[in-house]
Structure formats: structure tokens, C-alpha cells
Amino acid sequence: MNQIKKQQQYNMKLTSKKVENYFASRTDEELRQCPDCIAAACNDVAIQFNHDKALDLMKLLFFNDPIPSLHTHSYSFNTATGRHIIETLKEKYYEYKN
């Protein structure tokens, strides 16, 4: 039982390498932000909002991809919840950056 929980936590965790690889797969732009800080912020906010995939939060922040389970978009626009999550991600990122 504990093995399953550890595996779920591992799958949820975003690493700087995953950040770099995903970003490179989505765009030709250079990643100008700190991948370690991005990963840490996304992991923290995923726990805070009880979401099981920190990568989804990174996709929301950088590519404005919707997260249906968190109701981040309505008719392709950010909801108040979506804006709040994005602002929380930014705050966490700068906490780690500074």
C-alpha cells in the first residue's frame, strides 16, 4: 500500500529536468526562467490545490492550458480560480528565486 502512495507522489513530482524537456518539446523558445524554481513552485502549488500533476500547473502558467478538474477556464478565458492559481504560482516562483 505504501509503495503505491510513493509511486503516486513520484509521478506527481515535477523535476527541473522534466521542466526543461517539456518546455523544449512545446516550443523553440529558450527557457529563461530557473527550472529548479519552476519545479519547486509547481510541486508546492499542486499540493496546496490538491492536484495530482504538477506538470499541469506548469502548462497552465506557460501555455495557458486549461485544467478541467480545477476549473481554470470558461469559454477559453481564465476563471477567477485560474487567475488565482497563476498568481500563486508566480508568488511561489519568486519566493524560490529570491
PDB file of N, CA and C in Angstrom:
ATOM      1  N   MET A   1       0.821  -1.201   0.000  1.00  0.00           N
ATOM      2  CA  MET A   1       0.000   0.000   0.000  1.00  0.00           C
ATOM      3  C   MET A   1       0.867   1.268   0.000  1.00  0.00           C
ATOM      4  N   ASN A   2       1.904   1.282   0.839  1.00  0.00           N
ATOM      5  CA  ASN A   2       2.804   2.437   0.871  1.00  0.00           C
ATOM      6  C   ASN A   2       3.550   2.600  -0.442  1.00  0.00           C
ATOM      7  N   GLN A   3       3.856   1.477  -1.094  1.00  0.00           N
ATOM      8  CA  GLN A   3       4.553   1.516  -2.380  1.00  0.00           C
ATOM      9  C   GLN A   3       3.726   2.266  -3.423  1.00  0.00           C
ATOM     10  N   ILE A   4       2.421   2.038  -3.430  1.00  0.00           N
ATOM     11  CA  ILE A   4       1.524   2.720  -4.372  1.00  0.00           C
ATOM     12  C   ILE A   4       1.513   4.219  -4.082  1.00  0.00           C
ATOM     13  N   LYS A   5       1.439   4.586  -2.822  1.00  0.00           N
ATOM     14  CA  LYS A   5       1.424   6.003  -2.449  1.00  0.00           C
ATOM     15  C   LYS A   5       2.736   6.683  -2.844  1.00  0.00           C
ATOM     16  N   LYS A   6       3.863   6.012  -2.626  1.00  0.00           N
ATOM     17  CA  LYS A   6       5.159   6.573  -3.013  1.00  0.00           C
ATOM     18  C   LYS A   6       5.243   6.740  -4.527  1.00  0.00           C
ATOM     19  N   GLN A   7       4.716   5.768  -5.280  1.00  0.00           N
ATOM     20  CA  GLN A   7       4.729   5.850  -6.735  1.00  0.00           C
ATOM     21  C   GLN A   7       3.876   7.025  -7.215  1.00  0.00           C
ATOM     22  N   GLN A   8       2.728   7.237  -6.569  1.00  0.00           N
ATOM     23  CA  GLN A   8       1.870   8.367  -6.936  1.00  0.00           C
ATOM     24  C   GLN A   8       2.570   9.688  -6.651  1.00  0.00           C
ATOM     25  N   GLN A   9       3.253   9.777  -5.511  1.00  0.00           N
ATOM     26  CA  GLN A   9       3.975  11.004  -5.182  1.00  0.00           C
ATOM     27  C   GLN A   9       5.100  11.246  -6.171  1.00  0.00           C
ATOM     28  N   TYR A  10       5.789  10.178  -6.591  1.00  0.00           N
ATOM     29  CA  TYR A  10       6.860  10.317  -7.569  1.00  0.00           C
ATOM     30  C   TYR A  10       6.317  10.812  -8.898  1.00  0.00           C
ATOM     31  N   ASN A  11       5.170  10.270  -9.316  1.00  0.00           N
ATOM     32  CA  ASN A  11       4.568  10.689 -10.578  1.00  0.00           C
ATOM     33  C   ASN A  11       4.112  12.144 -10.522  1.00  0.00           C
ATOM     34  N   MET A  12       3.692  12.592  -9.345  1.00  0.00           N
ATOM     35  CA  MET A  12       3.220  13.954  -9.193  1.00  0.00           C
ATOM     36  C   MET A  12       4.386  14.937  -9.241  1.00  0.00           C
ATOM     37  N   LYS A  13       5.518  14.522  -8.723  1.00  0.00           N
ATOM     38  CA  LYS A  13       6.646  15.440  -8.573  1.00  0.00           C
ATOM     39  C   LYS A  13       7.216  15.879  -9.920  1.00  0.00           C
ATOM     40  N   LEU A  14       7.403  17.173 -10.024  1.00  0.00           N
ATOM     41  CA  LEU A  14       7.998  17.762 -11.217  1.00  0.00           C
ATOM     42  C   LEU A  14       9.459  18.065 -10.906  1.00  0.00           C
ATOM     43  N   THR A  15      10.355  17.683 -11.785  1.00  0.00           N
ATOM     44  CA  THR A  15      11.781  17.950 -11.604  1.00  0.00           C
ATOM     45  C   THR A  15      12.229  19.004 -12.613  1.00  0.00           C
ATOM     46  N   SER A  16      13.394  19.577 -12.368  1.00  0.00           N
ATOM     47  CA  SER A  16      13.907  20.589 -13.293  1.00  0.00           C
ATOM     48  C   SER A  16      14.157  19.970 -14.670  1.00  0.00           C
ATOM     49  N   LYS A  17      14.566  18.719 -14.706  1.00  0.00           N
ATOM     50  CA  LYS A  17      14.797  18.030 -15.981  1.00  0.00           C
ATOM     51  C   LYS A  17      13.485  17.871 -16.753  1.00  0.00           C
ATOM     52  N   LYS A  18      12.409  17.507 -16.043  1.00  0.00           N
ATOM     53  CA  LYS A  18      11.094  17.390 -16.690  1.00  0.00           C
ATOM     54  C   LYS A  18      10.629  18.744 -17.216  1.00  0.00           C
ATOM     55  N   VAL A  19      10.907  19.794 -16.450  1.00  0.00           N
ATOM     56  CA  VAL A  19      10.544  21.156 -16.893  1.00  0.00           C
ATOM     57  C   VAL A  19      11.267  21.479 -18.194  1.00  0.00           C
ATOM     58  N   GLU A  20      12.560  21.270 -18.222  1.00  0.00           N
ATOM     59  CA  GLU A  20      13.365  21.586 -19.413  1.00  0.00           C
ATOM     60  C   GLU A  20      12.918  20.755 -20.618  1.00  0.00           C
ATOM     61  N   ASN A  21      12.703  19.463 -20.404  1.00  0.00           N
ATOM     62  CA  ASN A  21      12.301  18.581 -21.508  1.00  0.00           C
ATOM     63  C   ASN A  21      10.921  18.939 -22.059  1.00  0.00           C
ATOM     64  N   TYR A  22       9.978  19.190 -21.155  1.00  0.00           N
ATOM     65  CA  TYR A  22       8.636  19.522 -21.624  1.00  0.00           C
ATOM     66  C   TYR A  22       8.642  20.851 -22.359  1.00  0.00           C
ATOM     67  N   PHE A  23       9.326  21.840 -21.800  1.00  0.00           N
ATOM     68  CA  PHE A  23       9.379  23.160 -22.429  1.00  0.00           C
ATOM     69  C   PHE A  23       9.985  23.058 -23.825  1.00  0.00           C
ATOM     70  N   ALA A  24      11.052  22.290 -23.956  1.00  0.00           N
ATOM     71  CA  ALA A  24      11.715  22.112 -25.257  1.00  0.00           C
ATOM     72  C   ALA A  24      10.810  21.394 -26.252  1.00  0.00           C
ATOM     73  N   SER A  25       9.948  20.501 -25.754  1.00  0.00           N
ATOM     74  CA  SER A  25       9.050  19.777 -26.656  1.00  0.00           C
ATOM     75  C   SER A  25       7.878  20.632 -27.137  1.00  0.00           C
ATOM     76  N   ARG A  26       7.548  21.692 -26.377  1.00  0.00           N
ATOM     77  CA  ARG A  26       6.403  22.528 -26.729  1.00  0.00           C
ATOM     78  C   ARG A  26       6.754  23.754 -27.559  1.00  0.00           C
ATOM     79  N   THR A  27       7.980  24.230 -27.428  1.00  0.00           N
ATOM     80  CA  THR A  27       8.322  25.484 -28.098  1.00  0.00           C
ATOM     81  C   THR A  27       9.807  25.516 -28.464  1.00  0.00           C
ATOM     82  N   ASP A  28      10.124  26.347 -29.447  1.00  0.00           N
ATOM     83  CA  ASP A  28      11.520  26.553 -29.827  1.00  0.00           C
ATOM     84  C   ASP A  28      12.173  27.657 -28.999  1.00  0.00           C
ATOM     85  N   GLU A  29      11.357  28.360 -28.211  1.00  0.00           N
ATOM     86  CA  GLU A  29      11.875  29.436 -27.366  1.00  0.00           C
ATOM     87  C   GLU A  29      12.801  28.868 -26.294  1.00  0.00           C
ATOM     88  N   GLU A  30      13.756  29.677 -25.881  1.00  0.00           N
ATOM     89  CA  GLU A  30      14.662  29.285 -24.808  1.00  0.00           C
ATOM     90  C   GLU A  30      13.971  29.512 -23.457  1.00  0.00           C
ATOM     91  N   LEU A  31      14.157  28.591 -22.550  1.00  0.00           N
ATOM     92  CA  LEU A  31      13.620  28.745 -21.200  1.00  0.00           C
ATOM     93  C   LEU A  31      14.481  29.749 -20.454  1.00  0.00           C
ATOM     94  N   ARG A  32      13.912  30.892 -20.117  1.00  0.00           N
ATOM     95  CA  ARG A  32      14.673  31.955 -19.471  1.00  0.00           C
ATOM     96  C   ARG A  32      14.536  31.937 -17.951  1.00  0.00           C
ATOM     97  N   GLN A  33      13.566  31.185 -17.444  1.00  0.00           N
ATOM     98  CA  GLN A  33      13.356  31.098 -16.009  1.00  0.00           C
ATOM     99  C   GLN A  33      14.150  29.932 -15.432  1.00  0.00           C
ATOM    100  N   CYS A  34      14.284  29.932 -14.142  1.00  0.00           N
ATOM    101  CA  CYS A  34      15.029  28.895 -13.424  1.00  0.00           C
ATOM    102  C   CYS A  34      14.191  27.612 -13.337  1.00  0.00           C
ATOM    103  N   PRO A  35      14.623  26.529 -13.977  1.00  0.00           N
ATOM    104  CA  PRO A  35      13.835  25.290 -13.959  1.00  0.00           C
ATOM    105  C   PRO A  35      13.676  24.687 -12.557  1.00  0.00           C
ATOM    106  N   ASP A  36      14.678  24.867 -11.696  1.00  0.00           N
ATOM    107  CA  ASP A  36      14.557  24.370 -10.323  1.00  0.00           C
ATOM    108  C   ASP A  36      13.447  25.103  -9.577  1.00  0.00           C
ATOM    109  N   CYS A  37      13.380  26.409  -9.750  1.00  0.00           N
ATOM    110  CA  CYS A  37      12.358  27.220  -9.084  1.00  0.00           C
ATOM    111  C   CYS A  37      10.969  26.929  -9.646  1.00  0.00           C
ATOM    112  N   ILE A  38      10.885  26.715 -10.939  1.00  0.00           N
ATOM    113  CA  ILE A  38       9.604  26.369 -11.570  1.00  0.00           C
ATOM    114  C   ILE A  38       9.098  25.044 -11.008  1.00  0.00           C
ATOM    115  N   ALA A  39       9.971  24.052 -10.966  1.00  0.00           N
ATOM    116  CA  ALA A  39       9.589  22.730 -10.463  1.00  0.00           C
ATOM    117  C   ALA A  39       9.136  22.812  -9.007  1.00  0.00           C
ATOM    118  N   ALA A  40       9.888  23.510  -8.184  1.00  0.00           N
ATOM    119  CA  ALA A  40       9.540  23.624  -6.767  1.00  0.00           C
ATOM    120  C   ALA A  40       8.207  24.341  -6.578  1.00  0.00           C
ATOM    121  N   ALA A  41       8.011  25.431  -7.304  1.00  0.00           N
ATOM    122  CA  ALA A  41       6.764  26.188  -7.196  1.00  0.00           C
ATOM    123  C   ALA A  41       5.571  25.346  -7.644  1.00  0.00           C
ATOM    124  N   CYS A  42       5.710  24.651  -8.762  1.00  0.00           N
ATOM    125  CA  CYS A  42       4.608  23.825  -9.263  1.00  0.00           C
ATOM    126  C   CYS A  42       4.295  22.678  -8.311  1.00  0.00           C
ATOM    127  N   ASN A  43       5.313  22.069  -7.739  1.00  0.00           N
ATOM    128  CA  ASN A  43       5.087  20.994  -6.770  1.00  0.00           C
ATOM    129  C   ASN A  43       4.357  21.502  -5.533  1.00  0.00           C
ATOM    130  N   ASP A  44       4.781  22.659  -5.021  1.00  0.00           N
ATOM    131  CA  ASP A  44       4.124  23.239  -3.840  1.00  0.00           C
ATOM    132  C   ASP A  44       2.670  23.592  -4.113  1.00  0.00           C
ATOM    133  N   VAL A  45       2.423  24.224  -5.251  1.00  0.00           N
ATOM    134  CA  VAL A  45       1.065  24.656  -5.574  1.00  0.00           C
ATOM    135  C   VAL A  45       0.167  23.451  -5.881  1.00  0.00           C
ATOM    136  N   ALA A  46       0.727  22.404  -6.453  1.00  0.00           N
ATOM    137  CA  ALA A  46      -0.045  21.183  -6.693  1.00  0.00           C
ATOM    138  C   ALA A  46      -0.548  20.609  -5.373  1.00  0.00           C
ATOM    139  N   ILE A  47       0.311  20.613  -4.373  1.00  0.00           N
ATOM    140  CA  ILE A  47      -0.094  20.134  -3.053  1.00  0.00           C
ATOM    141  C   ILE A  47      -1.130  21.080  -2.448  1.00  0.00           C
ATOM    142  N   GLN A  48      -0.879  22.377  -2.562  1.00  0.00           N
ATOM    143  CA  GLN A  48      -1.780  23.382  -1.997  1.00  0.00           C
ATOM    144  C   GLN A  48      -3.190  23.267  -2.573  1.00  0.00           C
ATOM    145  N   PHE A  49      -3.301  23.031  -3.883  1.00  0.00           N
ATOM    146  CA  PHE A  49      -4.605  22.948  -4.533  1.00  0.00           C
ATOM    147  C   PHE A  49      -5.086  21.502  -4.686  1.00  0.00           C
ATOM    148  N   ASN A  50      -4.369  20.571  -4.050  1.00  0.00           N
ATOM    149  CA  ASN A  50      -4.754  19.165  -4.041  1.00  0.00           C
ATOM    150  C   ASN A  50      -4.912  18.604  -5.454  1.00  0.00           C
ATOM    151  N   HIS A  51      -3.928  18.923  -6.290  1.00  0.00           N
ATOM    152  CA  HIS A  51      -3.928  18.442  -7.676  1.00  0.00           C
ATOM    153  C   HIS A  51      -2.789  17.449  -7.828  1.00  0.00           C
ATOM    154  N   ASP A  52      -3.029  16.369  -8.542  1.00  0.00           N
ATOM    155  CA  ASP A  52      -2.052  15.282  -8.565  1.00  0.00           C
ATOM    156  C   ASP A  52      -0.962  15.405  -9.626  1.00  0.00           C
ATOM    157  N   LYS A  53      -1.013  16.411 -10.484  1.00  0.00           N
ATOM    158  CA  LYS A  53       0.016  16.551 -11.528  1.00  0.00           C
ATOM    159  C   LYS A  53       0.551  17.979 -11.565  1.00  0.00           C
ATOM    160  N   ALA A  54       1.757  18.136 -11.060  1.00  0.00           N
ATOM    161  CA  ALA A  54       2.392  19.455 -11.061  1.00  0.00           C
ATOM    162  C   ALA A  54       2.668  19.938 -12.485  1.00  0.00           C
ATOM    163  N   LEU A  55       2.864  19.010 -13.410  1.00  0.00           N
ATOM    164  CA  LEU A  55       3.100  19.387 -14.807  1.00  0.00           C
ATOM    165  C   LEU A  55       1.918  20.171 -15.371  1.00  0.00           C
ATOM    166  N   ASP A  56       0.696  19.810 -14.974  1.00  0.00           N
ATOM    167  CA  ASP A  56      -0.489  20.553 -15.427  1.00  0.00           C
ATOM    168  C   ASP A  56      -0.403  22.023 -15.035  1.00  0.00           C
ATOM    169  N   LEU A  57       0.139  22.282 -13.861  1.00  0.00           N
ATOM    170  CA  LEU A  57       0.259  23.673 -13.400  1.00  0.00           C
ATOM    171  C   LEU A  57       1.284  24.439 -14.216  1.00  0.00           C
ATOM    172  N   MET A  58       2.365  23.761 -14.576  1.00  0.00           N
ATOM    173  CA  MET A  58       3.355  24.407 -15.435  1.00  0.00           C
ATOM    174  C   MET A  58       2.743  24.710 -16.808  1.00  0.00           C
ATOM    175  N   LYS A  59       1.951  23.785 -17.339  1.00  0.00           N
ATOM    176  CA  LYS A  59       1.292  24.008 -18.632  1.00  0.00           C
ATOM    177  C   LYS A  59       0.337  25.197 -18.553  1.00  0.00           C
ATOM    178  N   LEU A  60      -0.356  25.336 -17.443  1.00  0.00           N
ATOM    179  CA  LEU A  60      -1.257  26.478 -17.244  1.00  0.00           C
ATOM    180  C   LEU A  60      -0.469  27.780 -17.233  1.00  0.00           C
ATOM    181  N   LEU A  61       0.618  27.787 -16.498  1.00  0.00           N
ATOM    182  CA  LEU A  61       1.411  29.005 -16.341  1.00  0.00           C
ATOM    183  C   LEU A  61       2.053  29.454 -17.651  1.00  0.00           C
ATOM    184  N   PHE A  62       2.689  28.535 -18.362  1.00  0.00           N
ATOM    185  CA  PHE A  62       3.442  28.919 -19.554  1.00  0.00           C
ATOM    186  C   PHE A  62       2.643  28.893 -20.849  1.00  0.00           C
ATOM    187  N   PHE A  63       1.683  27.987 -20.947  1.00  0.00           N
ATOM    188  CA  PHE A  63       0.977  27.808 -22.221  1.00  0.00           C
ATOM    189  C   PHE A  63      -0.532  28.038 -22.111  1.00  0.00           C
ATOM    190  N   ASN A  64      -0.993  28.427 -20.928  1.00  0.00           N
ATOM    191  CA  ASN A  64      -2.401  28.705 -20.674  1.00  0.00           C
ATOM    192  C   ASN A  64      -3.294  27.499 -21.000  1.00  0.00           C
ATOM    193  N   ASP A  65      -2.762  26.294 -20.769  1.00  0.00           N
ATOM    194  CA  ASP A  65      -3.554  25.085 -20.973  1.00  0.00           C
ATOM    195  C   ASP A  65      -4.559  24.941 -19.831  1.00  0.00           C
ATOM    196  N   PRO A  66      -5.810  24.655 -20.138  1.00  0.00           N
ATOM    197  CA  PRO A  66      -6.813  24.510 -19.086  1.00  0.00           C
ATOM    198  C   PRO A  66      -6.603  23.252 -18.236  1.00  0.00           C
ATOM    199  N   ILE A  67      -7.027  23.331 -16.994  1.00  0.00           N
ATOM    200  CA  ILE A  67      -7.057  22.178 -16.098  1.00  0.00           C
ATOM    201  C   ILE A  67      -8.520  22.002 -15.697  1.00  0.00           C
ATOM    202  N   PRO A  68      -9.244  21.134 -16.381  1.00  0.00           N
ATOM    203  CA  PRO A  68     -10.686  20.999 -16.137  1.00  0.00           C
ATOM    204  C   PRO A  68     -11.049  20.688 -14.689  1.00  0.00           C
ATOM    205  N   SER A  69     -10.264  19.848 -14.026  1.00  0.00           N
ATOM    206  CA  SER A  69     -10.599  19.472 -12.653  1.00  0.00           C
ATOM    207  C   SER A  69     -10.467  20.641 -11.673  1.00  0.00           C
ATOM    208  N   LEU A  70      -9.704  21.658 -12.035  1.00  0.00           N
ATOM    209  CA  LEU A  70      -9.554  22.851 -11.192  1.00  0.00           C
ATOM    210  C   LEU A  70     -10.368  24.036 -11.717  1.00  0.00           C
ATOM    211  N   HIS A  71     -11.087  23.830 -12.787  1.00  0.00           N
ATOM    212  CA  HIS A  71     -11.961  24.867 -13.375  1.00  0.00           C
ATOM    213  C   HIS A  71     -11.197  26.166 -13.640  1.00  0.00           C
ATOM    214  N   THR A  72     -10.103  26.036 -14.383  1.00  0.00           N
ATOM    215  CA  THR A  72      -9.255  27.198 -14.649  1.00  0.00           C
ATOM    216  C   THR A  72      -9.740  28.047 -15.822  1.00  0.00           C
ATOM    217  N   HIS A  73     -10.593  27.481 -16.668  1.00  0.00           N
ATOM    218  CA  HIS A  73     -11.053  28.204 -17.857  1.00  0.00           C
ATOM    219  C   HIS A  73     -12.561  28.064 -18.036  1.00  0.00           C
ATOM    220  N   SER A  74     -13.144  29.089 -18.621  1.00  0.00           N
ATOM    221  CA  SER A  74     -14.533  29.051 -19.047  1.00  0.00           C
ATOM    222  C   SER A  74     -14.595  29.752 -20.395  1.00  0.00           C
ATOM    223  N   TYR A  75     -15.063  29.056 -21.398  1.00  0.00           N
ATOM    224  CA  TYR A  75     -15.116  29.590 -22.766  1.00  0.00           C
ATOM    225  C   TYR A  75     -13.757  30.146 -23.188  1.00  0.00           C
ATOM    226  N   SER A  76     -12.717  29.424 -22.889  1.00  0.00           N
ATOM    227  CA  SER A  76     -11.325  29.733 -23.240  1.00  0.00           C
ATOM    228  C   SER A  76     -10.724  30.920 -22.489  1.00  0.00           C
ATOM    229  N   PHE A  77     -11.433  31.457 -21.511  1.00  0.00           N
ATOM    230  CA  PHE A  77     -10.904  32.552 -20.690  1.00  0.00           C
ATOM    231  C   PHE A  77     -10.586  32.025 -19.301  1.00  0.00           C
ATOM    232  N   ASN A  78      -9.583  32.629 -18.654  1.00  0.00           N
ATOM    233  CA  ASN A  78      -9.262  32.237 -17.282  1.00  0.00           C
ATOM    234  C   ASN A  78     -10.393  32.602 -16.341  1.00  0.00           C
ATOM    235  N   THR A  79     -10.737  31.682 -15.478  1.00  0.00           N
ATOM    236  CA  THR A  79     -11.705  31.971 -14.424  1.00  0.00           C
ATOM    237  C   THR A  79     -10.962  32.650 -13.273  1.00  0.00           C
ATOM    238  N   ALA A  80     -11.709  33.095 -12.277  1.00  0.00           N
ATOM    239  CA  ALA A  80     -11.072  33.680 -11.089  1.00  0.00           C
ATOM    240  C   ALA A  80     -10.164  32.650 -10.428  1.00  0.00           C
ATOM    241  N   THR A  81     -10.590  31.404 -10.420  1.00  0.00           N
ATOM    242  CA  THR A  81      -9.767  30.334  -9.856  1.00  0.00           C
ATOM    243  C   THR A  81      -8.480  30.176 -10.652  1.00  0.00           C
ATOM    244  N   GLY A  82      -8.587  30.185 -11.974  1.00  0.00           N
ATOM    245  CA  GLY A  82      -7.410  30.069 -12.831  1.00  0.00           C
ATOM    246  C   GLY A  82      -6.431  31.204 -12.611  1.00  0.00           C
ATOM    247  N   ARG A  83      -6.943  32.419 -12.513  1.00  0.00           N
ATOM    248  CA  ARG A  83      -6.079  33.580 -12.265  1.00  0.00           C
ATOM    249  C   ARG A  83      -5.413  33.477 -10.896  1.00  0.00           C
ATOM    250  N   HIS A  84      -6.163  33.003  -9.917  1.00  0.00           N
ATOM    251  CA  HIS A  84      -5.614  32.844  -8.566  1.00  0.00           C
ATOM    252  C   HIS A  84      -4.482  31.811  -8.561  1.00  0.00           C
ATOM    253  N   ILE A  85      -4.666  30.706  -9.250  1.00  0.00           N
ATOM    254  CA  ILE A  85      -3.629  29.674  -9.325  1.00  0.00           C
ATOM    255  C   ILE A  85      -2.383  30.218 -10.009  1.00  0.00           C
ATOM    256  N   ILE A  86      -2.566  30.943 -11.098  1.00  0.00           N
ATOM    257  CA  ILE A  86      -1.426  31.533 -11.813  1.00  0.00           C
ATOM    258  C   ILE A  86      -0.667  32.509 -10.916  1.00  0.00           C
ATOM    259  N   GLU A  87      -1.384  33.360 -10.201  1.00  0.00           N
ATOM    260  CA  GLU A  87      -0.733  34.320  -9.299  1.00  0.00           C
ATOM    261  C   GLU A  87      -0.011  33.604  -8.163  1.00  0.00           C
ATOM    262  N   THR A  88      -0.607  32.533  -7.661  1.00  0.00           N
ATOM    263  CA  THR A  88       0.034  31.750  -6.598  1.00  0.00           C
ATOM    264  C   THR A  88       1.319  31.112  -7.115  1.00  0.00           C
ATOM    265  N   LEU A  89       1.276  30.593  -8.341  1.00  0.00           N
ATOM    266  CA  LEU A  89       2.483  30.013  -8.953  1.00  0.00           C
ATOM    267  C   LEU A  89       3.583  31.063  -9.088  1.00  0.00           C
ATOM    268  N   LYS A  90       3.214  32.249  -9.541  1.00  0.00           N
ATOM    269  CA  LYS A  90       4.206  33.325  -9.688  1.00  0.00           C
ATOM    270  C   LYS A  90       4.831  33.692  -8.337  1.00  0.00           C
ATOM    271  N   GLU A  91       3.984  33.827  -7.315  1.00  0.00           N
ATOM    272  CA  GLU A  91       4.480  34.178  -5.988  1.00  0.00           C
ATOM    273  C   GLU A  91       5.459  33.117  -5.473  1.00  0.00           C
ATOM    274  N   LYS A  92       5.092  31.841  -5.621  1.00  0.00           N
ATOM    275  CA  LYS A  92       5.958  30.747  -5.173  1.00  0.00           C
ATOM    276  C   LYS A  92       7.266  30.749  -5.961  1.00  0.00           C
ATOM    277  N   TYR A  93       7.181  30.956  -7.270  1.00  0.00           N
ATOM    278  CA  TYR A  93       8.384  31.002  -8.090  1.00  0.00           C
ATOM    279  C   TYR A  93       9.354  32.061  -7.569  1.00  0.00           C
ATOM    280  N   TYR A  94       8.859  33.259  -7.314  1.00  0.00           N
ATOM    281  CA  TYR A  94       9.738  34.334  -6.859  1.00  0.00           C
ATOM    282  C   TYR A  94      10.222  34.126  -5.437  1.00  0.00           C
ATOM    283  N   GLU A  95       9.451  33.393  -4.615  1.00  0.00           N
ATOM    284  CA  GLU A  95       9.944  33.033  -3.289  1.00  0.00           C
ATOM    285  C   GLU A  95      11.190  32.162  -3.426  1.00  0.00           C
ATOM    286  N   TYR A  96      11.138  31.192  -4.321  1.00  0.00           N
ATOM    287  CA  TYR A  96      12.292  30.313  -4.535  1.00  0.00           C
ATOM    288  C   TYR A  96      13.424  31.040  -5.243  1.00  0.00           C
ATOM    289  N   LYS A  97      13.085  31.923  -6.172  1.00  0.00           N
ATOM    290  CA  LYS A  97      14.098  32.639  -6.948  1.00  0.00           C
ATOM    291  C   LYS A  97      14.925  33.573  -6.059  1.00  0.00           C
ATOM    292  N   ASN A  98      14.250  34.214  -5.124  1.00  0.00           N
ATOM    293  CA  ASN A  98      14.944  35.174  -4.243  1.00  0.00           C
ATOM    294  C   ASN A  98      15.338  34.455  -2.999  1.00  0.00           C
TER     295      ASN A  98
END
